[in-house]
Structure formats: C-alpha cells, structure tokens
C-alpha cells in the first residue's frame, strides 16, 4: 500500500509538472518556467548539475511550442480594475504583454489575447491617446466575434470623445444594445451613453445612466468604480451636495488606495458641509418633459 501510495503521489507530481508553464523543445523535452529567464530577447536557461548551476542561451530555433495555461494576469487585471486600481492593472498586463511578445511567432503563445486585454483596459481606464495608438495593430489581429464587438465599443468610445455627432453615436450605442444581451457589452455602452449625457450637461439623465451599471451590471466589477464616481459628480452638478458627499464617502472607503478613492476624497472636501438645494431637488423630482 505504501508503495502504491508513493507511486500515486509521484504520478500526481509529474502530472502537475506536465501541465505547468513550460517551453517545449523540438526533441520533446520541457523547460519549466522556473528554469529560464529573459535577458532582453535572449532566453537564458538555468540547469542544475549536482550542487552547481550552469546558464546557457536557448536557441529559438529549438523551440517547438509553448505549453502555457491561460495567463493569470488576464483575471488579475480585471480584479484590479474592480478595485479601481487602473494603473496597476495596466502595468500588470504590459508586463505580461512584453513577455509574450518575445514568443509572438511561437505556437501556443498568448500574445494576441493579452494584447487585446491590454488595449481594452487602456480604453476602460480613459487612456485615450494610448488606445488610439494601439488600434491599427489591434485591427490586424484575428479577432473572435466577442472581440470584434469589444473593438466596436472601443471605437464608439473614441468617437464619443472626438465628435459632437451625439445623435449618430447614441444611435450606434442603441444598435449595439439591441444586438446583444451580454452584460459586459451593456455596461460598456451605458458608460458611453452616460458620458454623452454629461457632455450635453443633462445631469439627471447622466446620473441615471451611470447608476445603471452598479444596479443592473454589478457583475462587471471593473466598470463599477468609475461609474459610481461619475454618478457622484453628477449629483454635485445637480446641487444634491449631501447625497454626493455620502456617495463620495462610500467610494473612498470601498476603493482605498486607488486614484478613484483619492478623487472622491477631494471631491467630498470641495462640497463638505453643503446642503442639498431645495429648488434643485424639486426640479430633480419633477416629471421629465417629453421631448
């Protein structure tokens, strides 16, 4: 029994190693990720010989493919965005992108998905110029139907920032909403709709659009912090200062250590102690006029 148990544990260990991150050479041998490092574009392999170690450059022509599970950075970046830590999310994806770019022509690499996630995160973080620079390269990649939809949304967000043709942009947004019931798409589109209302100084419409994201698309946590902050800003524009202070307080507590939390603290300080203006409350509660 002991021997069988040991054999079983050994097989599990070997199985785990077989499914770890590794370079597979053309002769079938595997080099786990813990046995190599990158020095610029060079792959440096470390080999243990007894108590000693030796380092040597691994020729790229010897590589057959990468045996690499889905990079954890893809999920970790979304988690960071949900905590309003946008800069950390971008930096994490950039590091992963730099690694896979060195293996771009090797079968099994994750360059394309990581690059797409990087550009999408830049867009979500409001990195307008960086996103535009990346779009031509992004369009050359083979995209899935879901990625094509995301690219369509990214382009619409750019149009929202560079054009005043709000009618056509809103029409495109509504068209996208009618084409899918995907929650990530819905959250992205409602952010664009809310931003357009804000640019038009339609504060109440913008407020309600921003609030749709945490209320109806709460699973898209990477979108929630920015939507909540902007909802607070709309409350300030509507002179609902007490309501805005309460929301800014919750944002600061929920996303401690993030740039959004810092903005919320500053925004609250700017209106601290101010009361809701009654006449503004009456306007906000009055029935909306038909257009």
C-alpha atoms as a PDB file:
ATOM      1  CA  UNK A   1       0.000   0.000   0.000  1.00  0.00           C
ATOM      2  CA  UNK A   2       2.776   2.403   0.879  1.00  0.00           C
ATOM      3  CA  UNK A   3       4.487   1.739  -2.434  1.00  0.00           C
ATOM      4  CA  UNK A   4       1.238   2.270  -4.340  1.00  0.00           C
ATOM      5  CA  UNK A   5       0.591   5.492  -2.459  1.00  0.00           C
ATOM      6  CA  UNK A   6       4.061   6.788  -3.259  1.00  0.00           C
ATOM      7  CA  UNK A   7       3.620   5.914  -6.929  1.00  0.00           C
ATOM      8  CA  UNK A   8       0.265   7.700  -6.955  1.00  0.00           C
ATOM      9  CA  UNK A   9       1.747  10.852  -5.393  1.00  0.00           C
ATOM     10  CA  UNK A  10       4.648  10.735  -7.813  1.00  0.00           C
ATOM     11  CA  UNK A  11       2.273  10.479 -10.743  1.00  0.00           C
ATOM     12  CA  UNK A  12       0.343  13.476  -9.459  1.00  0.00           C
ATOM     13  CA  UNK A  13       3.539  15.488  -9.173  1.00  0.00           C
ATOM     14  CA  UNK A  14       4.582  14.566 -12.686  1.00  0.00           C
ATOM     15  CA  UNK A  15       1.082  15.340 -13.962  1.00  0.00           C
ATOM     16  CA  UNK A  16       1.183  18.758 -12.321  1.00  0.00           C
ATOM     17  CA  UNK A  17       4.562  19.481 -13.862  1.00  0.00           C
ATOM     18  CA  UNK A  18       3.287  18.381 -17.269  1.00  0.00           C
ATOM     19  CA  UNK A  19       0.542  20.960 -17.191  1.00  0.00           C
ATOM     20  CA  UNK A  20       2.642  23.834 -15.832  1.00  0.00           C
ATOM     21  CA  UNK A  21       4.042  26.750 -17.783  1.00  0.00           C
ATOM     22  CA  UNK A  22       6.846  25.466 -19.972  1.00  0.00           C
ATOM     23  CA  UNK A  23       8.743  25.756 -23.219  1.00  0.00           C
ATOM     24  CA  UNK A  24       8.599  22.519 -25.207  1.00  0.00           C
ATOM     25  CA  UNK A  25      11.586  21.838 -27.425  1.00  0.00           C
ATOM     26  CA  UNK A  26      11.555  20.070 -30.774  1.00  0.00           C
ATOM     27  CA  UNK A  27      13.112  16.993 -29.179  1.00  0.00           C
ATOM     28  CA  UNK A  28      10.079  16.766 -26.863  1.00  0.00           C
ATOM     29  CA  UNK A  29      11.841  17.919 -23.688  1.00  0.00           C
ATOM     30  CA  UNK A  30      10.205  20.511 -21.464  1.00  0.00           C
ATOM     31  CA  UNK A  31      11.750  23.559 -19.810  1.00  0.00           C
ATOM     32  CA  UNK A  32       9.517  24.749 -16.938  1.00  0.00           C
ATOM     33  CA  UNK A  33       9.201  28.492 -16.442  1.00  0.00           C
ATOM     34  CA  UNK A  34      11.296  28.283 -13.261  1.00  0.00           C
ATOM     35  CA  UNK A  35      14.249  27.085 -15.331  1.00  0.00           C
ATOM     36  CA  UNK A  36      14.537  30.025 -17.708  1.00  0.00           C
ATOM     37  CA  UNK A  37      14.624  33.814 -17.621  1.00  0.00           C
ATOM     38  CA  UNK A  38      14.553  36.527 -20.268  1.00  0.00           C
ATOM     39  CA  UNK A  39      17.536  38.792 -20.856  1.00  0.00           C
ATOM     40  CA  UNK A  40      16.183  41.209 -23.429  1.00  0.00           C
ATOM     41  CA  UNK A  41      15.213  38.928 -26.311  1.00  0.00           C
ATOM     42  CA  UNK A  42      17.528  36.157 -25.160  1.00  0.00           C
ATOM     43  CA  UNK A  43      16.164  33.076 -23.386  1.00  0.00           C
ATOM     44  CA  UNK A  44      18.570  32.063 -20.643  1.00  0.00           C
ATOM     45  CA  UNK A  45      18.213  28.518 -19.384  1.00  0.00           C
ATOM     46  CA  UNK A  46      19.447  27.535 -15.921  1.00  0.00           C
ATOM     47  CA  UNK A  47      20.482  23.913 -15.445  1.00  0.00           C
ATOM     48  CA  UNK A  48      21.346  22.341 -12.085  1.00  0.00           C
ATOM     49  CA  UNK A  49      24.220  19.886 -12.104  1.00  0.00           C
ATOM     50  CA  UNK A  50      24.540  18.449  -8.629  1.00  0.00           C
ATOM     51  CA  UNK A  51      25.196  21.369  -6.315  1.00  0.00           C
ATOM     52  CA  UNK A  52      26.181  23.633  -9.188  1.00  0.00           C
ATOM     53  CA  UNK A  53      24.173  25.583 -11.739  1.00  0.00           C
ATOM     54  CA  UNK A  54      25.005  26.481 -15.303  1.00  0.00           C
ATOM     55  CA  UNK A  55      23.423  29.079 -17.571  1.00  0.00           C
ATOM     56  CA  UNK A  56      23.195  28.972 -21.342  1.00  0.00           C
ATOM     57  CA  UNK A  57      21.248  30.758 -24.050  1.00  0.00           C
ATOM     58  CA  UNK A  58      18.445  28.678 -25.538  1.00  0.00           C
ATOM     59  CA  UNK A  59      18.353  28.930 -29.363  1.00  0.00           C
ATOM     60  CA  UNK A  60      14.882  29.950 -30.527  1.00  0.00           C
ATOM     61  CA  UNK A  61      15.017  27.529 -33.440  1.00  0.00           C
ATOM     62  CA  UNK A  62      14.965  24.689 -30.911  1.00  0.00           C
ATOM     63  CA  UNK A  63      11.525  25.708 -29.564  1.00  0.00           C
ATOM     64  CA  UNK A  64       8.540  23.708 -30.800  1.00  0.00           C
ATOM     65  CA  UNK A  65       5.765  25.446 -28.852  1.00  0.00           C
ATOM     66  CA  UNK A  66       4.707  26.940 -25.524  1.00  0.00           C
ATOM     67  CA  UNK A  67       2.689  24.752 -23.176  1.00  0.00           C
ATOM     68  CA  UNK A  68       1.138  27.610 -21.255  1.00  0.00           C
ATOM     69  CA  UNK A  69      -2.217  27.756 -19.424  1.00  0.00           C
ATOM     70  CA  UNK A  70      -4.248  30.945 -19.573  1.00  0.00           C
ATOM     71  CA  UNK A  71      -2.130  33.735 -18.041  1.00  0.00           C
ATOM     72  CA  UNK A  72      -3.422  34.657 -14.567  1.00  0.00           C
ATOM     73  CA  UNK A  73      -2.758  38.305 -15.425  1.00  0.00           C
ATOM     74  CA  UNK A  74      -5.940  38.383 -17.529  1.00  0.00           C
ATOM     75  CA  UNK A  75      -8.119  37.715 -14.493  1.00  0.00           C
ATOM     76  CA  UNK A  76      -5.911  39.615 -12.052  1.00  0.00           C
ATOM     77  CA  UNK A  77      -6.156  42.754 -14.200  1.00  0.00           C
ATOM     78  CA  UNK A  78      -9.950  42.614 -14.037  1.00  0.00           C
ATOM     79  CA  UNK A  79      -9.781  42.208 -10.272  1.00  0.00           C
ATOM     80  CA  UNK A  80      -7.517  45.262 -10.039  1.00  0.00           C
ATOM     81  CA  UNK A  81      -9.922  47.278 -12.193  1.00  0.00           C
ATOM     82  CA  UNK A  82     -12.746  46.241  -9.850  1.00  0.00           C
ATOM     83  CA  UNK A  83     -10.683  47.734  -7.018  1.00  0.00           C
ATOM     84  CA  UNK A  84     -10.235  50.928  -9.091  1.00  0.00           C
ATOM     85  CA  UNK A  85      -6.505  50.218  -9.372  1.00  0.00           C
ATOM     86  CA  UNK A  86      -6.288  51.035 -13.065  1.00  0.00           C
ATOM     87  CA  UNK A  87      -2.577  51.847 -13.216  1.00  0.00           C
ATOM     88  CA  UNK A  88      -1.702  48.552 -11.543  1.00  0.00           C
ATOM     89  CA  UNK A  89      -3.930  46.645 -13.979  1.00  0.00           C
ATOM     90  CA  UNK A  90      -2.297  48.318 -16.978  1.00  0.00           C
ATOM     91  CA  UNK A  91       1.205  47.680 -15.633  1.00  0.00           C
ATOM     92  CA  UNK A  92       0.405  44.010 -14.984  1.00  0.00           C
ATOM     93  CA  UNK A  93      -0.904  43.442 -18.498  1.00  0.00           C
ATOM     94  CA  UNK A  94       2.007  45.370 -20.021  1.00  0.00           C
ATOM     95  CA  UNK A  95       4.496  43.105 -18.239  1.00  0.00           C
ATOM     96  CA  UNK A  96       2.671  40.013 -19.498  1.00  0.00           C
ATOM     97  CA  UNK A  97       2.459  41.504 -22.994  1.00  0.00           C
ATOM     98  CA  UNK A  98       6.203  42.204 -23.078  1.00  0.00           C
ATOM     99  CA  UNK A  99       6.870  38.563 -22.171  1.00  0.00           C
ATOM    100  CA  UNK A 100       4.579  37.013 -24.771  1.00  0.00           C
ATOM    101  CA  UNK A 101       5.699  39.458 -27.450  1.00  0.00           C
ATOM    102  CA  UNK A 102       9.095  37.745 -27.332  1.00  0.00           C
ATOM    103  CA  UNK A 103       7.311  34.497 -28.309  1.00  0.00           C
ATOM    104  CA  UNK A 104       4.851  36.060 -30.752  1.00  0.00           C
ATOM    105  CA  UNK A 105       5.695  33.651 -33.574  1.00  0.00           C
ATOM    106  CA  UNK A 106       5.805  30.566 -31.336  1.00  0.00           C
ATOM    107  CA  UNK A 107       2.793  28.259 -31.295  1.00  0.00           C
ATOM    108  CA  UNK A 108       0.830  28.321 -28.046  1.00  0.00           C
ATOM    109  CA  UNK A 109       1.748  31.840 -27.009  1.00  0.00           C
ATOM    110  CA  UNK A 110      -0.852  34.214 -25.507  1.00  0.00           C
ATOM    111  CA  UNK A 111       0.292  37.391 -27.222  1.00  0.00           C
ATOM    112  CA  UNK A 112      -2.980  38.129 -29.038  1.00  0.00           C
ATOM    113  CA  UNK A 113      -5.384  37.720 -26.073  1.00  0.00           C
ATOM    114  CA  UNK A 114      -3.080  39.660 -23.741  1.00  0.00           C
ATOM    115  CA  UNK A 115      -2.610  42.446 -26.291  1.00  0.00           C
ATOM    116  CA  UNK A 116      -6.369  42.725 -26.759  1.00  0.00           C
ATOM    117  CA  UNK A 117      -6.947  42.808 -22.990  1.00  0.00           C
ATOM    118  CA  UNK A 118      -4.242  45.481 -22.666  1.00  0.00           C
ATOM    119  CA  UNK A 119      -5.881  47.789 -25.227  1.00  0.00           C
ATOM    120  CA  UNK A 120      -9.336  47.182 -23.745  1.00  0.00           C
ATOM    121  CA  UNK A 121      -8.033  48.084 -20.285  1.00  0.00           C
ATOM    122  CA  UNK A 122      -6.361  51.227 -21.626  1.00  0.00           C
ATOM    123  CA  UNK A 123      -9.722  52.238 -23.080  1.00  0.00           C
ATOM    124  CA  UNK A 124     -11.611  51.496 -19.849  1.00  0.00           C
ATOM    125  CA  UNK A 125      -9.035  53.489 -17.895  1.00  0.00           C
ATOM    126  CA  UNK A 126      -9.576  56.525 -20.114  1.00  0.00           C
ATOM    127  CA  UNK A 127      -6.091  56.354 -21.673  1.00  0.00           C
ATOM    128  CA  UNK A 128      -7.347  57.982 -24.852  1.00  0.00           C
ATOM    129  CA  UNK A 129      -4.108  58.670 -26.765  1.00  0.00           C
ATOM    130  CA  UNK A 130      -2.541  55.318 -25.877  1.00  0.00           C
ATOM    131  CA  UNK A 131      -5.672  53.483 -27.034  1.00  0.00           C
ATOM    132  CA  UNK A 132      -5.715  55.262 -30.392  1.00  0.00           C
ATOM    133  CA  UNK A 133      -2.044  54.381 -30.986  1.00  0.00           C
ATOM    134  CA  UNK A 134      -2.773  50.689 -30.420  1.00  0.00           C
ATOM    135  CA  UNK A 135      -5.891  50.398 -32.599  1.00  0.00           C
ATOM    136  CA  UNK A 136      -4.194  49.968 -36.013  1.00  0.00           C
ATOM    137  CA  UNK A 137      -2.201  46.999 -34.698  1.00  0.00           C
ATOM    138  CA  UNK A 138      -5.248  45.596 -32.925  1.00  0.00           C
ATOM    139  CA  UNK A 139      -7.235  45.606 -36.157  1.00  0.00           C
ATOM    140  CA  UNK A 140      -4.609  43.424 -37.873  1.00  0.00           C
ATOM    141  CA  UNK A 141      -5.120  40.572 -35.393  1.00  0.00           C
ATOM    142  CA  UNK A 142      -7.586  37.704 -35.945  1.00  0.00           C
ATOM    143  CA  UNK A 143     -10.472  38.548 -33.621  1.00  0.00           C
ATOM    144  CA  UNK A 144     -13.302  36.452 -32.248  1.00  0.00           C
ATOM    145  CA  UNK A 145     -16.904  37.727 -32.634  1.00  0.00           C
ATOM    146  CA  UNK A 146     -16.805  38.864 -28.988  1.00  0.00           C
ATOM    147  CA  UNK A 147     -13.551  40.749 -29.550  1.00  0.00           C
ATOM    148  CA  UNK A 148     -14.964  42.374 -32.690  1.00  0.00           C
ATOM    149  CA  UNK A 149     -17.877  43.616 -30.605  1.00  0.00           C
ATOM    150  CA  UNK A 150     -15.487  44.991 -27.996  1.00  0.00           C
ATOM    151  CA  UNK A 151     -13.467  46.720 -30.718  1.00  0.00           C
ATOM    152  CA  UNK A 152     -16.692  48.275 -31.987  1.00  0.00           C
ATOM    153  CA  UNK A 153     -17.342  49.634 -28.483  1.00  0.00           C
ATOM    154  CA  UNK A 154     -13.786  50.968 -28.146  1.00  0.00           C
ATOM    155  CA  UNK A 155     -14.183  52.817 -31.454  1.00  0.00           C
ATOM    156  CA  UNK A 156     -17.545  54.208 -30.332  1.00  0.00           C
ATOM    157  CA  UNK A 157     -15.962  55.487 -27.132  1.00  0.00           C
ATOM    158  CA  UNK A 158     -13.275  57.219 -29.186  1.00  0.00           C
ATOM    159  CA  UNK A 159     -15.982  58.772 -31.379  1.00  0.00           C
ATOM    160  CA  UNK A 160     -17.731  59.951 -28.207  1.00  0.00           C
ATOM    161  CA  UNK A 161     -14.584  61.823 -27.203  1.00  0.00           C
ATOM    162  CA  UNK A 162     -13.674  63.257 -30.614  1.00  0.00           C
ATOM    163  CA  UNK A 163     -17.041  64.072 -32.172  1.00  0.00           C
ATOM    164  CA  UNK A 164     -20.110  66.116 -31.319  1.00  0.00           C
ATOM    165  CA  UNK A 165     -22.330  63.986 -33.568  1.00  0.00           C
ATOM    166  CA  UNK A 166     -24.142  62.749 -30.492  1.00  0.00           C
ATOM    167  CA  UNK A 167     -27.278  61.658 -32.342  1.00  0.00           C
ATOM    168  CA  UNK A 168     -25.428  59.179 -34.534  1.00  0.00           C
ATOM    169  CA  UNK A 169     -23.273  57.975 -31.634  1.00  0.00           C
ATOM    170  CA  UNK A 170     -26.363  57.362 -29.495  1.00  0.00           C
ATOM    171  CA  UNK A 171     -27.998  55.540 -32.397  1.00  0.00           C
ATOM    172  CA  UNK A 172     -24.972  53.261 -32.708  1.00  0.00           C
ATOM    173  CA  UNK A 173     -24.997  52.666 -28.947  1.00  0.00           C
ATOM    174  CA  UNK A 174     -28.667  51.662 -29.022  1.00  0.00           C
ATOM    175  CA  UNK A 175     -27.986  49.435 -32.025  1.00  0.00           C
ATOM    176  CA  UNK A 176     -25.260  47.600 -30.111  1.00  0.00           C
ATOM    177  CA  UNK A 177     -27.541  47.168 -27.095  1.00  0.00           C
ATOM    178  CA  UNK A 178     -30.197  45.629 -29.327  1.00  0.00           C
ATOM    179  CA  UNK A 179     -27.661  43.225 -30.868  1.00  0.00           C
ATOM    180  CA  UNK A 180     -26.648  41.520 -27.632  1.00  0.00           C
ATOM    181  CA  UNK A 181     -27.628  40.859 -24.035  1.00  0.00           C
ATOM    182  CA  UNK A 182     -24.016  40.405 -22.904  1.00  0.00           C
ATOM    183  CA  UNK A 183     -23.542  42.171 -19.562  1.00  0.00           C
ATOM    184  CA  UNK A 184     -20.005  43.380 -20.331  1.00  0.00           C
ATOM    185  CA  UNK A 185     -21.267  44.991 -23.536  1.00  0.00           C
ATOM    186  CA  UNK A 186     -24.228  46.540 -21.722  1.00  0.00           C
ATOM    187  CA  UNK A 187     -22.029  48.054 -19.025  1.00  0.00           C
ATOM    188  CA  UNK A 188     -19.638  49.495 -21.607  1.00  0.00           C
ATOM    189  CA  UNK A 189     -22.426  51.010 -23.697  1.00  0.00           C
ATOM    190  CA  UNK A 190     -24.202  52.590 -20.736  1.00  0.00           C
ATOM    191  CA  UNK A 191     -20.929  54.253 -19.728  1.00  0.00           C
ATOM    192  CA  UNK A 192     -20.758  55.810 -23.188  1.00  0.00           C
ATOM    193  CA  UNK A 193     -24.420  56.874 -23.060  1.00  0.00           C
ATOM    194  CA  UNK A 194     -23.902  58.409 -19.615  1.00  0.00           C
ATOM    195  CA  UNK A 195     -20.775  60.260 -20.759  1.00  0.00           C
ATOM    196  CA  UNK A 196     -22.669  61.746 -23.697  1.00  0.00           C
ATOM    197  CA  UNK A 197     -25.457  62.991 -21.422  1.00  0.00           C
ATOM    198  CA  UNK A 198     -22.788  64.502 -19.161  1.00  0.00           C
ATOM    199  CA  UNK A 199     -21.127  66.294 -22.084  1.00  0.00           C
ATOM    200  CA  UNK A 200     -24.544  67.690 -23.014  1.00  0.00           C
ATOM    201  CA  UNK A 201     -24.985  68.782 -19.367  1.00  0.00           C
ATOM    202  CA  UNK A 202     -28.027  66.557 -18.990  1.00  0.00           C
ATOM    203  CA  UNK A 203     -27.074  65.820 -15.414  1.00  0.00           C
ATOM    204  CA  UNK A 204     -30.067  63.745 -14.326  1.00  0.00           C
ATOM    205  CA  UNK A 205     -30.030  61.571 -17.441  1.00  0.00           C
ATOM    206  CA  UNK A 206     -26.301  61.068 -16.971  1.00  0.00           C
ATOM    207  CA  UNK A 207     -26.796  60.182 -13.303  1.00  0.00           C
ATOM    208  CA  UNK A 208     -29.404  57.550 -14.076  1.00  0.00           C
ATOM    209  CA  UNK A 209     -27.250  56.068 -16.859  1.00  0.00           C
ATOM    210  CA  UNK A 210     -24.177  55.823 -14.611  1.00  0.00           C
ATOM    211  CA  UNK A 211     -26.222  54.214 -11.846  1.00  0.00           C
ATOM    212  CA  UNK A 212     -27.497  51.525 -14.234  1.00  0.00           C
ATOM    213  CA  UNK A 213     -24.024  49.977 -14.168  1.00  0.00           C
ATOM    214  CA  UNK A 214     -23.783  49.071 -10.451  1.00  0.00           C
ATOM    215  CA  UNK A 215     -27.531  48.324 -10.316  1.00  0.00           C
ATOM    216  CA  UNK A 216     -28.013  46.223 -13.458  1.00  0.00           C
ATOM    217  CA  UNK A 217     -24.449  45.242 -14.407  1.00  0.00           C
ATOM    218  CA  UNK A 218     -22.898  44.713 -10.997  1.00  0.00           C
ATOM    219  CA  UNK A 219     -21.097  41.585 -12.207  1.00  0.00           C
ATOM    220  CA  UNK A 220     -18.938  43.835 -14.394  1.00  0.00           C
ATOM    221  CA  UNK A 221     -16.993  44.982 -11.364  1.00  0.00           C
ATOM    222  CA  UNK A 222     -14.216  46.582 -13.412  1.00  0.00           C
ATOM    223  CA  UNK A 223     -16.752  49.175 -14.609  1.00  0.00           C
ATOM    224  CA  UNK A 224     -18.403  49.942 -11.257  1.00  0.00           C
ATOM    225  CA  UNK A 225     -15.853  52.243  -9.513  1.00  0.00           C
ATOM    226  CA  UNK A 226     -15.681  54.775 -12.360  1.00  0.00           C
ATOM    227  CA  UNK A 227     -19.473  54.710 -12.802  1.00  0.00           C
ATOM    228  CA  UNK A 228     -20.014  55.410  -9.094  1.00  0.00           C
ATOM    229  CA  UNK A 229     -17.514  58.276  -9.061  1.00  0.00           C
ATOM    230  CA  UNK A 230     -19.125  59.905 -12.082  1.00  0.00           C
ATOM    231  CA  UNK A 231     -22.565  59.449 -10.528  1.00  0.00           C
ATOM    232  CA  UNK A 232     -21.296  61.423  -7.541  1.00  0.00           C
ATOM    233  CA  UNK A 233     -20.051  64.160  -9.850  1.00  0.00           C
ATOM    234  CA  UNK A 234     -23.477  64.354 -11.479  1.00  0.00           C
ATOM    235  CA  UNK A 235     -25.063  64.780  -8.029  1.00  0.00           C
ATOM    236  CA  UNK A 236     -22.750  67.737  -7.429  1.00  0.00           C
ATOM    237  CA  UNK A 237     -23.799  69.282 -10.747  1.00  0.00           C
ATOM    238  CA  UNK A 238     -27.430  68.817  -9.686  1.00  0.00           C
ATOM    239  CA  UNK A 239     -26.588  70.553  -6.357  1.00  0.00           C
ATOM    240  CA  UNK A 240     -27.516  67.445  -4.408  1.00  0.00           C
ATOM    241  CA  UNK A 241     -24.481  68.019  -2.224  1.00  0.00           C
ATOM    242  CA  UNK A 242     -25.455  65.861   0.766  1.00  0.00           C
ATOM    243  CA  UNK A 243     -26.194  62.895  -1.490  1.00  0.00           C
ATOM    244  CA  UNK A 244     -22.888  63.409  -3.288  1.00  0.00           C
ATOM    245  CA  UNK A 245     -20.963  63.556  -0.004  1.00  0.00           C
ATOM    246  CA  UNK A 246     -22.467  60.259   1.103  1.00  0.00           C
ATOM    247  CA  UNK A 247     -21.553  58.602  -2.188  1.00  0.00           C
ATOM    248  CA  UNK A 248     -18.007  60.008  -2.179  1.00  0.00           C
ATOM    249  CA  UNK A 249     -17.547  58.704   1.382  1.00  0.00           C
ATOM    250  CA  UNK A 250     -18.592  55.206   0.335  1.00  0.00           C
ATOM    251  CA  UNK A 251     -16.333  55.284  -2.723  1.00  0.00           C
ATOM    252  CA  UNK A 252     -13.337  56.380  -0.640  1.00  0.00           C
ATOM    253  CA  UNK A 253     -13.930  53.537   1.809  1.00  0.00           C
ATOM    254  CA  UNK A 254     -14.648  50.911  -0.842  1.00  0.00           C
ATOM    255  CA  UNK A 255     -11.615  51.571  -3.056  1.00  0.00           C
ATOM    256  CA  UNK A 256      -8.925  52.579  -0.583  1.00  0.00           C
ATOM    257  CA  UNK A 257      -5.506  53.159  -2.084  1.00  0.00           C
ATOM    258  CA  UNK A 258      -6.829  53.883  -5.573  1.00  0.00           C
ATOM    259  CA  UNK A 259      -6.807  57.058  -7.654  1.00  0.00           C
ATOM    260  CA  UNK A 260     -10.612  56.984  -7.682  1.00  0.00           C
ATOM    261  CA  UNK A 261     -10.681  56.963  -3.871  1.00  0.00           C
ATOM    262  CA  UNK A 262      -8.338  59.971  -3.821  1.00  0.00           C
ATOM    263  CA  UNK A 263     -10.571  61.825  -6.283  1.00  0.00           C
ATOM    264  CA  UNK A 264     -13.617  61.005  -4.164  1.00  0.00           C
ATOM    265  CA  UNK A 265     -11.924  62.405  -1.040  1.00  0.00           C
ATOM    266  CA  UNK A 266     -11.019  65.636  -2.849  1.00  0.00           C
ATOM    267  CA  UNK A 267     -14.489  65.933  -4.355  1.00  0.00           C
ATOM    268  CA  UNK A 268     -16.086  65.495  -0.948  1.00  0.00           C
ATOM    269  CA  UNK A 269     -13.779  68.106   0.607  1.00  0.00           C
ATOM    270  CA  UNK A 270     -14.820  70.624  -2.044  1.00  0.00           C
ATOM    271  CA  UNK A 271     -18.506  70.403  -1.008  1.00  0.00           C
ATOM    272  CA  UNK A 272     -18.111  69.354   2.626  1.00  0.00           C
ATOM    273  CA  UNK A 273     -20.980  70.623   4.783  1.00  0.00           C
ATOM    274  CA  UNK A 274     -23.026  71.938   1.868  1.00  0.00           C
ATOM    275  CA  UNK A 275     -26.736  71.101   1.855  1.00  0.00           C
ATOM    276  CA  UNK A 276     -28.957  69.942  -0.972  1.00  0.00           C
ATOM    277  CA  UNK A 277     -30.560  72.918  -2.628  1.00  0.00           C
ATOM    278  CA  UNK A 278     -34.370  72.545  -2.261  1.00  0.00           C
ATOM    279  CA  UNK A 279     -35.220  74.092  -5.599  1.00  0.00           C
ATOM    280  CA  UNK A 280     -32.828  71.694  -7.326  1.00  0.00           C
ATOM    281  CA  UNK A 281     -34.427  68.749  -5.519  1.00  0.00           C
ATOM    282  CA  UNK A 282     -37.823  69.888  -6.756  1.00  0.00           C
ATOM    283  CA  UNK A 283     -36.529  70.055 -10.322  1.00  0.00           C
ATOM    284  CA  UNK A 284     -34.978  66.621  -9.995  1.00  0.00           C
ATOM    285  CA  UNK A 285     -38.191  65.119  -8.654  1.00  0.00           C
ATOM    286  CA  UNK A 286     -40.470  66.781 -11.190  1.00  0.00           C
ATOM    287  CA  UNK A 287     -41.744  64.625 -14.082  1.00  0.00           C
ATOM    288  CA  UNK A 288     -39.424  64.721 -17.068  1.00  0.00           C
ATOM    289  CA  UNK A 289     -40.679  66.752 -20.012  1.00  0.00           C
ATOM    290  CA  UNK A 290     -41.382  64.860 -23.179  1.00  0.00           C
ATOM    291  CA  UNK A 291     -39.019  65.695 -25.964  1.00  0.00           C
END
